[in-house]
Amino acid sequence: MTASKYLSQNLFWAGLIICHFIVLAFLYFKFGFNTVNEGDKYLTRAAYLAQGDFINSTQYQTFYVSYVVYLAFFVFIKAPTLLIFISTYSLSLLAYYKFHKLTSSYINYETGRLWLVFMCVSPLIQYWQFNLFSETFFIAVSLLFAYVSLYDYIKYRAVKISILALIVIFSRPSGIFTVICVLLFKLYQDKRFTKKQILILGSSTLLILFLGILFFFQLPYHDFSKYISNGSIYYGFPSWT
């Protein structure tokens, strides 16, 4: 590596780190850490799970259970809430870097850099780092799943794909679509199916899945939703007779 290229790389990483922390500082002083609303809901479920109450821990949270389990670990060891933010942020940085490697490998190094810049300096993305919502966790595990599935030279790939697929599917409702799309691309990458076959297989799978969810899965907060759909307006969490 020439001296100029080495300097250019160092300047890129230094500039990215500085800009990233400027964005984080702006968001922190503007909004601070947020543990209410959705964050409080997940922490409450995690507390139930840490106490061994599996029924209340998963009520309304079937497709968020990965995140609830993740939070339950910190609740169980009585870790400060700040440690949850730091842990999730660290997981995000790892996922950004791994997906940067994947993008650089599939397209080129410049595109990988550009993607990394957008992720690290976007206030809309980094805003989630200061909330205990499930979005940050979902983005991180989805990027790691894509990396493990598609990047070359991954040891024990099948085991890692299986574990991460389960985590992604149960981290947010859209996780199942993420897993299906990545695996379909993996099948095409490995030349097991043609483009046309992937299109037909993918469209059929997603259509069946969509109809199955629409007609056979109960909507989260269905007891709230049916009243709201009838024109009722509620504040907070009412109890029904």
Protein backbone atom coordinates (compact mmCIF):
# COMPACT_ATOMS: atom_id res chain seq x y z
CA MET A 1 0.00 0.00 0.00
CA THR A 2 1.37 3.40 -0.99
CA ALA A 3 1.79 6.18 1.56
CA SER A 4 -0.87 8.34 -0.13
CA LYS A 5 -3.43 5.51 -0.12
CA TYR A 6 -2.66 4.71 3.52
CA LEU A 7 -3.11 8.40 4.43
CA SER A 8 -6.35 8.56 2.43
CA GLN A 9 -7.77 5.56 4.29
CA ASN A 10 -6.79 6.97 7.68
CA LEU A 11 -8.33 10.35 6.81
CA PHE A 12 -11.57 8.65 5.76
CA TRP A 13 -11.91 6.70 9.00
CA ALA A 14 -10.91 9.70 11.14
CA GLY A 15 -13.39 11.95 9.33
CA LEU A 16 -16.16 9.37 9.61
CA ILE A 17 -15.60 8.89 13.35
CA ILE A 18 -15.59 12.66 13.98
CA CYS A 19 -18.77 13.24 11.93
CA HIS A 20 -20.45 10.25 13.57
CA PHE A 21 -19.82 11.53 17.08
CA ILE A 22 -20.94 15.04 16.09
CA VAL A 23 -24.27 13.56 14.99
CA LEU A 24 -24.53 11.51 18.20
CA ALA A 25 -23.75 14.57 20.33
CA PHE A 26 -26.39 16.63 18.50
CA LEU A 27 -29.02 13.93 19.03
CA TYR A 28 -28.10 13.43 22.68
CA PHE A 29 -28.30 17.12 23.56
CA LYS A 30 -31.47 17.51 21.49
CA PHE A 31 -33.39 14.45 22.68
CA GLY A 32 -31.39 12.61 25.38
CA PHE A 33 -32.07 8.98 26.22
CA ASN A 34 -35.67 7.83 25.88
CA THR A 35 -36.95 4.89 27.95
CA VAL A 36 -40.67 5.70 27.92
CA ASN A 37 -43.52 4.56 25.67
CA GLU A 38 -42.27 1.64 23.53
CA GLY A 39 -39.05 1.35 25.53
CA ASP A 40 -40.97 1.05 28.79
CA LYS A 41 -43.22 -1.56 27.22
CA TYR A 42 -40.25 -3.74 26.23
CA LEU A 43 -38.56 -3.28 29.61
CA THR A 44 -41.77 -4.32 31.37
CA ARG A 45 -41.99 -7.49 29.27
CA ALA A 46 -38.30 -8.17 29.88
CA ALA A 47 -38.85 -7.82 33.64
CA TYR A 48 -41.64 -10.41 33.47
CA LEU A 49 -39.33 -12.78 31.59
CA ALA A 50 -36.47 -12.23 34.03
CA GLN A 51 -38.87 -13.26 36.82
CA GLY A 52 -39.87 -16.42 34.94
CA ASP A 53 -43.29 -15.15 33.85
CA PHE A 54 -43.32 -16.42 30.25
CA ILE A 55 -47.01 -15.66 29.61
CA ASN A 56 -46.95 -11.95 30.41
CA SER A 57 -43.51 -11.52 28.86
CA THR A 58 -44.78 -12.55 25.43
CA GLN A 59 -48.29 -11.07 25.54
CA TYR A 60 -48.66 -8.93 22.37
CA GLN A 61 -44.91 -9.47 21.78
CA THR A 62 -44.71 -12.75 19.83
CA PHE A 63 -42.72 -11.22 16.99
CA TYR A 64 -40.59 -9.09 19.31
CA VAL A 65 -39.55 -11.89 21.64
CA SER A 66 -35.88 -11.82 20.53
CA TYR A 67 -35.59 -8.23 21.70
CA VAL A 68 -37.44 -9.00 24.93
CA VAL A 69 -35.02 -11.88 25.66
CA TYR A 70 -32.09 -9.58 24.88
CA LEU A 71 -33.36 -6.96 27.34
CA ALA A 72 -34.26 -9.60 29.93
CA PHE A 73 -30.58 -10.51 30.28
CA PHE A 74 -29.73 -6.95 31.39
CA VAL A 75 -32.77 -6.80 33.66
CA PHE A 76 -31.82 -10.15 35.22
CA ILE A 77 -28.27 -9.04 36.06
CA LYS A 78 -29.66 -5.67 37.27
CA ALA A 79 -27.49 -3.75 34.82
CA PRO A 80 -28.01 0.02 34.53
CA THR A 81 -30.13 1.10 31.57
CA LEU A 82 -27.14 2.95 30.12
CA LEU A 83 -25.42 -0.41 29.62
CA ILE A 84 -28.29 -1.52 27.36
CA PHE A 85 -27.79 1.55 25.17
CA ILE A 86 -24.02 0.97 25.01
CA SER A 87 -24.45 -2.74 24.22
CA THR A 88 -26.98 -2.11 21.44
CA TYR A 89 -24.82 0.67 20.03
CA SER A 90 -21.80 -1.65 19.99
CA LEU A 91 -23.85 -4.32 18.25
CA SER A 92 -24.89 -1.73 15.66
CA LEU A 93 -21.30 -0.68 14.97
CA LEU A 94 -20.29 -4.32 14.47
CA ALA A 95 -23.22 -4.82 12.07
CA TYR A 96 -22.39 -1.64 10.12
CA TYR A 97 -18.79 -2.74 9.67
CA LYS A 98 -19.70 -6.29 8.62
CA PHE A 99 -22.25 -5.07 6.09
CA HIS A 100 -19.68 -2.56 4.83
CA LYS A 101 -17.39 -5.55 4.13
CA LEU A 102 -20.24 -7.33 2.35
CA THR A 103 -21.08 -4.30 0.20
CA SER A 104 -17.41 -3.73 -0.62
CA SER A 105 -17.08 -7.37 -1.67
CA TYR A 106 -20.23 -7.47 -3.80
CA ILE A 107 -19.94 -4.05 -5.46
CA ASN A 108 -16.76 -2.12 -4.69
CA TYR A 109 -14.92 -0.51 -1.79
CA GLU A 110 -16.17 2.99 -2.63
CA THR A 111 -19.81 1.88 -2.47
CA GLY A 112 -19.13 0.16 0.86
CA ARG A 113 -17.66 3.39 2.20
CA LEU A 114 -20.59 5.44 0.92
CA TRP A 115 -23.09 3.10 2.57
CA LEU A 116 -21.18 3.29 5.85
CA VAL A 117 -21.14 7.10 5.73
CA PHE A 118 -24.89 7.26 5.19
CA MET A 119 -25.56 4.90 8.09
CA CYS A 120 -23.18 6.58 10.55
CA VAL A 121 -24.04 10.22 9.89
CA SER A 122 -27.78 9.92 9.23
CA PRO A 123 -29.70 11.48 12.16
CA LEU A 124 -32.76 9.44 11.17
CA ILE A 125 -30.83 6.17 11.64
CA GLN A 126 -28.74 7.19 14.65
CA TYR A 127 -31.76 8.63 16.47
CA TRP A 128 -32.80 5.08 17.32
CA GLN A 129 -29.57 4.62 19.30
CA PHE A 130 -31.08 6.80 22.04
CA ASN A 131 -34.34 4.86 22.31
CA LEU A 132 -35.11 1.46 23.70
CA PHE A 133 -37.31 0.75 20.71
CA SER A 134 -36.72 -2.49 18.79
CA GLU A 135 -35.67 -0.79 15.54
CA THR A 136 -31.96 -0.52 16.39
CA PHE A 137 -31.73 -4.15 17.45
CA PHE A 138 -33.65 -5.29 14.37
CA ILE A 139 -31.45 -3.31 11.97
CA ALA A 140 -28.28 -4.71 13.58
CA VAL A 141 -29.28 -8.38 13.59
CA SER A 142 -30.69 -8.11 10.04
CA LEU A 143 -27.40 -6.71 8.73
CA LEU A 144 -25.46 -9.45 10.53
CA PHE A 145 -27.80 -12.08 9.08
CA ALA A 146 -27.22 -10.76 5.55
CA TYR A 147 -23.45 -10.71 6.13
CA VAL A 148 -23.30 -14.26 7.46
CA SER A 149 -25.56 -15.53 4.66
CA LEU A 150 -23.80 -13.89 1.73
CA TYR A 151 -20.18 -13.08 2.61
CA ASP A 152 -17.47 -15.52 1.49
CA TYR A 153 -15.38 -17.62 3.88
CA ILE A 154 -17.81 -17.77 6.81
CA LYS A 155 -17.10 -20.68 9.16
CA TYR A 156 -20.07 -22.75 10.37
CA ARG A 157 -22.33 -20.76 8.06
CA ALA A 158 -25.37 -23.07 8.37
CA VAL A 159 -25.35 -22.88 12.17
CA LYS A 160 -24.95 -19.09 12.19
CA ILE A 161 -27.66 -18.62 9.56
CA SER A 162 -30.10 -20.77 11.57
CA ILE A 163 -29.48 -18.90 14.82
CA LEU A 164 -29.58 -15.42 13.28
CA ALA A 165 -32.64 -16.27 11.18
CA LEU A 166 -34.61 -17.13 14.33
CA ILE A 167 -33.42 -13.96 16.06
CA VAL A 168 -34.35 -11.78 13.07
CA ILE A 169 -37.78 -13.40 12.55
CA PHE A 170 -38.72 -12.84 16.19
CA SER A 171 -37.19 -9.37 16.56
CA ARG A 172 -39.84 -7.56 14.49
CA PRO A 173 -42.81 -8.73 12.39
CA SER A 174 -41.03 -7.76 9.16
CA GLY A 175 -38.12 -10.03 10.10
CA ILE A 176 -39.64 -13.03 8.34
CA PHE A 177 -39.68 -11.10 5.04
CA THR A 178 -36.06 -10.05 5.59
CA VAL A 179 -34.98 -13.66 6.09
CA ILE A 180 -36.91 -14.93 3.06
CA CYS A 181 -35.49 -12.25 0.74
CA VAL A 182 -31.88 -12.84 1.86
CA LEU A 183 -32.20 -16.62 1.54
CA LEU A 184 -33.77 -16.32 -1.92
CA PHE A 185 -30.82 -14.19 -2.99
CA LYS A 186 -28.49 -16.80 -1.47
CA LEU A 187 -30.14 -19.53 -3.58
CA TYR A 188 -29.67 -17.39 -6.68
CA GLN A 189 -26.07 -16.60 -5.73
CA ASP A 190 -25.29 -20.31 -5.38
CA LYS A 191 -26.88 -20.90 -8.82
CA ARG A 192 -29.43 -23.34 -7.41
CA PHE A 193 -32.24 -21.47 -9.16
CA THR A 194 -32.47 -19.17 -12.15
CA LYS A 195 -33.73 -15.59 -11.92
CA LYS A 196 -37.12 -16.65 -13.25
CA GLN A 197 -37.40 -19.52 -10.76
CA ILE A 198 -36.41 -17.24 -7.88
CA LEU A 199 -39.01 -14.70 -8.97
CA ILE A 200 -41.75 -17.33 -9.11
CA LEU A 201 -40.65 -19.02 -5.87
CA GLY A 202 -40.26 -15.73 -4.03
CA SER A 203 -43.56 -14.26 -5.22
CA SER A 204 -45.46 -17.44 -4.34
CA THR A 205 -43.85 -17.75 -0.90
CA LEU A 206 -44.43 -14.11 0.01
CA LEU A 207 -48.03 -14.15 -1.27
CA ILE A 208 -48.89 -17.28 0.72
CA LEU A 209 -47.19 -15.83 3.78
CA PHE A 210 -49.00 -12.52 3.41
CA LEU A 211 -52.41 -14.22 3.09
CA GLY A 212 -51.64 -16.54 6.00
CA ILE A 213 -50.72 -13.64 8.28
CA LEU A 214 -53.71 -11.60 7.10
CA PHE A 215 -56.32 -14.28 7.77
CA PHE A 216 -54.88 -16.51 10.49
CA PHE A 217 -52.64 -14.38 12.71
CA GLN A 218 -54.17 -12.24 15.41
CA LEU A 219 -53.34 -8.56 15.17
CA PRO A 220 -51.16 -7.35 18.09
CA TYR A 221 -53.27 -5.24 20.47
CA HIS A 222 -56.36 -6.61 18.74
CA ASP A 223 -58.51 -5.74 21.75
CA PHE A 224 -57.46 -2.08 21.43
CA SER A 225 -57.58 -2.05 17.65
CA LYS A 226 -61.16 -3.24 17.22
CA TYR A 227 -62.46 -0.42 19.40
CA ILE A 228 -60.29 2.17 17.66
CA SER A 229 -61.49 0.91 14.27
CA ASN A 230 -65.04 1.55 15.46
CA GLY A 231 -64.23 5.20 16.13
CA SER A 232 -63.22 5.10 19.80
CA ILE A 233 -60.27 7.15 21.04
CA TYR A 234 -58.30 6.09 24.09
CA TYR A 235 -55.44 7.56 26.06
CA GLY A 236 -53.14 5.20 27.91
CA PHE A 237 -54.04 1.57 28.56
CA PRO A 238 -57.71 1.16 29.56
CA SER A 239 -58.97 -2.00 31.24
CA TRP A 240 -62.01 -3.80 29.93
CA THR A 241 -64.86 -5.28 31.99
